[in-house]
Amino acid sequence: MITIYEPRNSLEVETPKGRATVWLITDYGTETEKIFTCIIKTSGEIWEFGNSKVKATSNITFGRGNT
């Protein structure tokens, strides 16, 4: 069963293409990685990355320090 999540709050991540905002998260089940559909901040391009390729950015408000 495929499940698609749309984050309610803006979620910024670091990707191989640079900093991005997560638009959708697709879950294909337990045997595969989740797929993050991201909008790249500098170019506006839309790319998809497996969860091993994205990393949450620092956010002092939520207790995530500089990484």
N, C-alpha and C. Protein backbone atom coordinates (compact mmCIF):
# COMPACT_ATOMS: atom_id res chain seq x y z
N MET A 1 0.84 -1.17 0.00
CA MET A 1 0.00 0.00 0.00
C MET A 1 0.89 1.25 0.00
N ILE A 2 0.63 2.15 -0.89
CA ILE A 2 1.39 3.40 -0.98
C ILE A 2 0.67 4.47 -0.17
N THR A 3 1.45 5.18 0.66
CA THR A 3 0.91 6.29 1.44
C THR A 3 1.70 7.54 1.10
N ILE A 4 1.00 8.64 0.85
CA ILE A 4 1.66 9.91 0.56
C ILE A 4 1.30 10.90 1.66
N TYR A 5 2.34 11.48 2.26
CA TYR A 5 2.16 12.47 3.32
C TYR A 5 2.51 13.85 2.78
N GLU A 6 1.74 14.83 3.18
CA GLU A 6 2.06 16.23 2.88
C GLU A 6 2.28 16.92 4.22
N PRO A 7 3.55 17.29 4.53
CA PRO A 7 3.82 17.90 5.83
C PRO A 7 2.98 19.17 6.04
N ARG A 8 2.43 19.30 7.24
CA ARG A 8 1.63 20.48 7.57
C ARG A 8 2.51 21.70 7.80
N ASN A 9 3.69 21.48 8.33
CA ASN A 9 4.64 22.57 8.58
C ASN A 9 5.80 22.47 7.60
N SER A 10 6.39 23.60 7.31
CA SER A 10 7.55 23.62 6.42
C SER A 10 8.68 22.81 7.04
N LEU A 11 9.29 21.96 6.24
CA LEU A 11 10.39 21.11 6.71
C LEU A 11 11.57 21.31 5.77
N GLU A 12 12.63 21.92 6.29
CA GLU A 12 13.83 22.15 5.48
C GLU A 12 14.83 21.03 5.71
N VAL A 13 15.44 20.60 4.62
CA VAL A 13 16.42 19.52 4.67
C VAL A 13 17.61 19.86 3.80
N GLU A 14 18.72 19.20 4.08
CA GLU A 14 19.90 19.25 3.21
C GLU A 14 19.83 18.03 2.30
N THR A 15 20.05 18.25 1.01
CA THR A 15 20.01 17.17 0.01
C THR A 15 21.31 17.20 -0.80
N PRO A 16 21.54 16.21 -1.64
CA PRO A 16 22.71 16.26 -2.53
C PRO A 16 22.68 17.46 -3.48
N LYS A 17 21.51 18.06 -3.69
CA LYS A 17 21.37 19.23 -4.57
C LYS A 17 21.36 20.54 -3.80
N GLY A 18 21.52 20.50 -2.48
CA GLY A 18 21.50 21.70 -1.65
C GLY A 18 20.28 21.74 -0.75
N ARG A 19 20.11 22.87 -0.07
CA ARG A 19 19.00 23.03 0.87
C ARG A 19 17.68 23.02 0.12
N ALA A 20 16.68 22.35 0.73
CA ALA A 20 15.39 22.20 0.07
C ALA A 20 14.27 22.18 1.09
N THR A 21 13.05 22.38 0.60
CA THR A 21 11.85 22.24 1.40
C THR A 21 11.13 20.97 0.97
N VAL A 22 10.75 20.15 1.95
CA VAL A 22 10.04 18.91 1.64
C VAL A 22 8.61 19.27 1.23
N TRP A 23 8.17 18.72 0.10
CA TRP A 23 6.83 18.96 -0.39
C TRP A 23 5.93 17.76 -0.09
N LEU A 24 6.43 16.55 -0.40
CA LEU A 24 5.68 15.32 -0.14
C LEU A 24 6.63 14.24 0.35
N ILE A 25 6.09 13.28 1.11
CA ILE A 25 6.84 12.10 1.51
C ILE A 25 6.01 10.89 1.08
N THR A 26 6.61 10.01 0.29
CA THR A 26 5.92 8.83 -0.21
C THR A 26 6.48 7.60 0.48
N ASP A 27 5.58 6.80 1.04
CA ASP A 27 5.95 5.57 1.76
C ASP A 27 5.42 4.39 0.96
N TYR A 28 6.33 3.59 0.41
CA TYR A 28 5.95 2.42 -0.39
C TYR A 28 5.87 1.15 0.45
N GLY A 29 6.13 1.24 1.74
CA GLY A 29 6.06 0.07 2.61
C GLY A 29 7.38 -0.20 3.30
N THR A 30 7.43 -1.30 4.03
CA THR A 30 8.58 -1.60 4.88
C THR A 30 9.83 -2.04 4.13
N GLU A 31 9.70 -2.47 2.90
CA GLU A 31 10.84 -3.00 2.17
C GLU A 31 11.63 -1.94 1.39
N THR A 32 11.17 -0.71 1.37
CA THR A 32 11.84 0.34 0.60
C THR A 32 11.99 1.60 1.43
N GLU A 33 12.91 2.46 0.98
CA GLU A 33 13.07 3.75 1.64
C GLU A 33 11.87 4.65 1.36
N LYS A 34 11.63 5.57 2.27
CA LYS A 34 10.64 6.60 1.98
C LYS A 34 11.25 7.56 0.96
N ILE A 35 10.42 8.12 0.11
CA ILE A 35 10.87 9.05 -0.92
C ILE A 35 10.42 10.46 -0.57
N PHE A 36 11.37 11.37 -0.49
CA PHE A 36 11.08 12.77 -0.18
C PHE A 36 11.08 13.57 -1.47
N THR A 37 9.95 14.18 -1.80
CA THR A 37 9.86 15.08 -2.94
C THR A 37 10.18 16.47 -2.41
N CYS A 38 11.25 17.08 -2.93
CA CYS A 38 11.77 18.33 -2.38
C CYS A 38 11.85 19.42 -3.45
N ILE A 39 11.65 20.65 -3.01
CA ILE A 39 11.84 21.81 -3.88
C ILE A 39 13.16 22.45 -3.48
N ILE A 40 14.13 22.48 -4.40
CA ILE A 40 15.46 23.02 -4.14
C ILE A 40 15.36 24.55 -4.05
N LYS A 41 15.87 25.11 -2.97
CA LYS A 41 15.72 26.54 -2.71
C LYS A 41 16.38 27.43 -3.77
N THR A 42 17.58 27.09 -4.20
CA THR A 42 18.31 27.97 -5.12
C THR A 42 17.81 27.94 -6.54
N SER A 43 17.25 26.80 -6.97
CA SER A 43 16.87 26.67 -8.38
C SER A 43 15.37 26.51 -8.61
N GLY A 44 14.63 26.13 -7.57
CA GLY A 44 13.21 25.87 -7.74
C GLY A 44 12.91 24.51 -8.36
N GLU A 45 13.96 23.75 -8.64
CA GLU A 45 13.77 22.42 -9.22
C GLU A 45 13.13 21.48 -8.21
N ILE A 46 12.39 20.51 -8.71
CA ILE A 46 11.77 19.51 -7.85
C ILE A 46 12.51 18.19 -8.08
N TRP A 47 13.01 17.62 -6.97
CA TRP A 47 13.76 16.36 -7.02
C TRP A 47 13.20 15.41 -5.98
N GLU A 48 13.43 14.13 -6.19
CA GLU A 48 13.06 13.11 -5.22
C GLU A 48 14.31 12.43 -4.70
N PHE A 49 14.35 12.20 -3.38
CA PHE A 49 15.50 11.57 -2.72
C PHE A 49 15.00 10.52 -1.74
N GLY A 50 15.75 9.42 -1.62
CA GLY A 50 15.48 8.44 -0.58
C GLY A 50 15.84 9.01 0.78
N ASN A 51 15.28 8.45 1.84
CA ASN A 51 15.52 9.02 3.17
C ASN A 51 16.99 8.97 3.58
N SER A 52 17.80 8.13 2.98
CA SER A 52 19.22 8.12 3.32
C SER A 52 19.97 9.31 2.73
N LYS A 53 19.34 10.06 1.83
CA LYS A 53 19.98 11.19 1.16
C LYS A 53 19.56 12.55 1.71
N VAL A 54 18.62 12.59 2.65
CA VAL A 54 18.17 13.86 3.21
C VAL A 54 18.53 13.94 4.68
N LYS A 55 18.80 15.15 5.15
CA LYS A 55 19.18 15.37 6.54
C LYS A 55 18.50 16.65 7.02
N ALA A 56 17.84 16.60 8.16
CA ALA A 56 17.16 17.77 8.70
C ALA A 56 18.17 18.89 8.96
N THR A 57 17.80 20.12 8.65
CA THR A 57 18.66 21.26 8.92
C THR A 57 18.58 21.63 10.39
N SER A 58 19.52 22.43 10.86
CA SER A 58 19.50 22.86 12.26
C SER A 58 18.28 23.75 12.50
N ASN A 59 17.72 23.66 13.70
CA ASN A 59 16.57 24.45 14.09
C ASN A 59 16.61 24.61 15.60
N ILE A 60 17.05 25.77 16.07
CA ILE A 60 17.22 26.00 17.50
C ILE A 60 15.89 25.86 18.23
N THR A 61 14.80 26.30 17.61
CA THR A 61 13.48 26.23 18.24
C THR A 61 13.11 24.80 18.60
N PHE A 62 13.45 23.84 17.74
CA PHE A 62 13.12 22.44 17.99
C PHE A 62 14.28 21.66 18.60
N GLY A 63 15.31 22.35 19.04
CA GLY A 63 16.42 21.71 19.73
C GLY A 63 17.42 20.99 18.87
N ARG A 64 17.39 21.27 17.54
CA ARG A 64 18.39 20.69 16.65
C ARG A 64 19.48 21.72 16.44
N GLY A 65 20.66 21.48 17.02
CA GLY A 65 21.76 22.41 16.88
C GLY A 65 22.42 22.31 15.52
N ASN A 66 23.49 23.09 15.36
CA ASN A 66 24.23 23.04 14.10
C ASN A 66 24.82 21.66 13.92
N THR A 67 24.75 21.16 12.68
CA THR A 67 25.25 19.80 12.41
C THR A 67 26.52 19.87 11.61
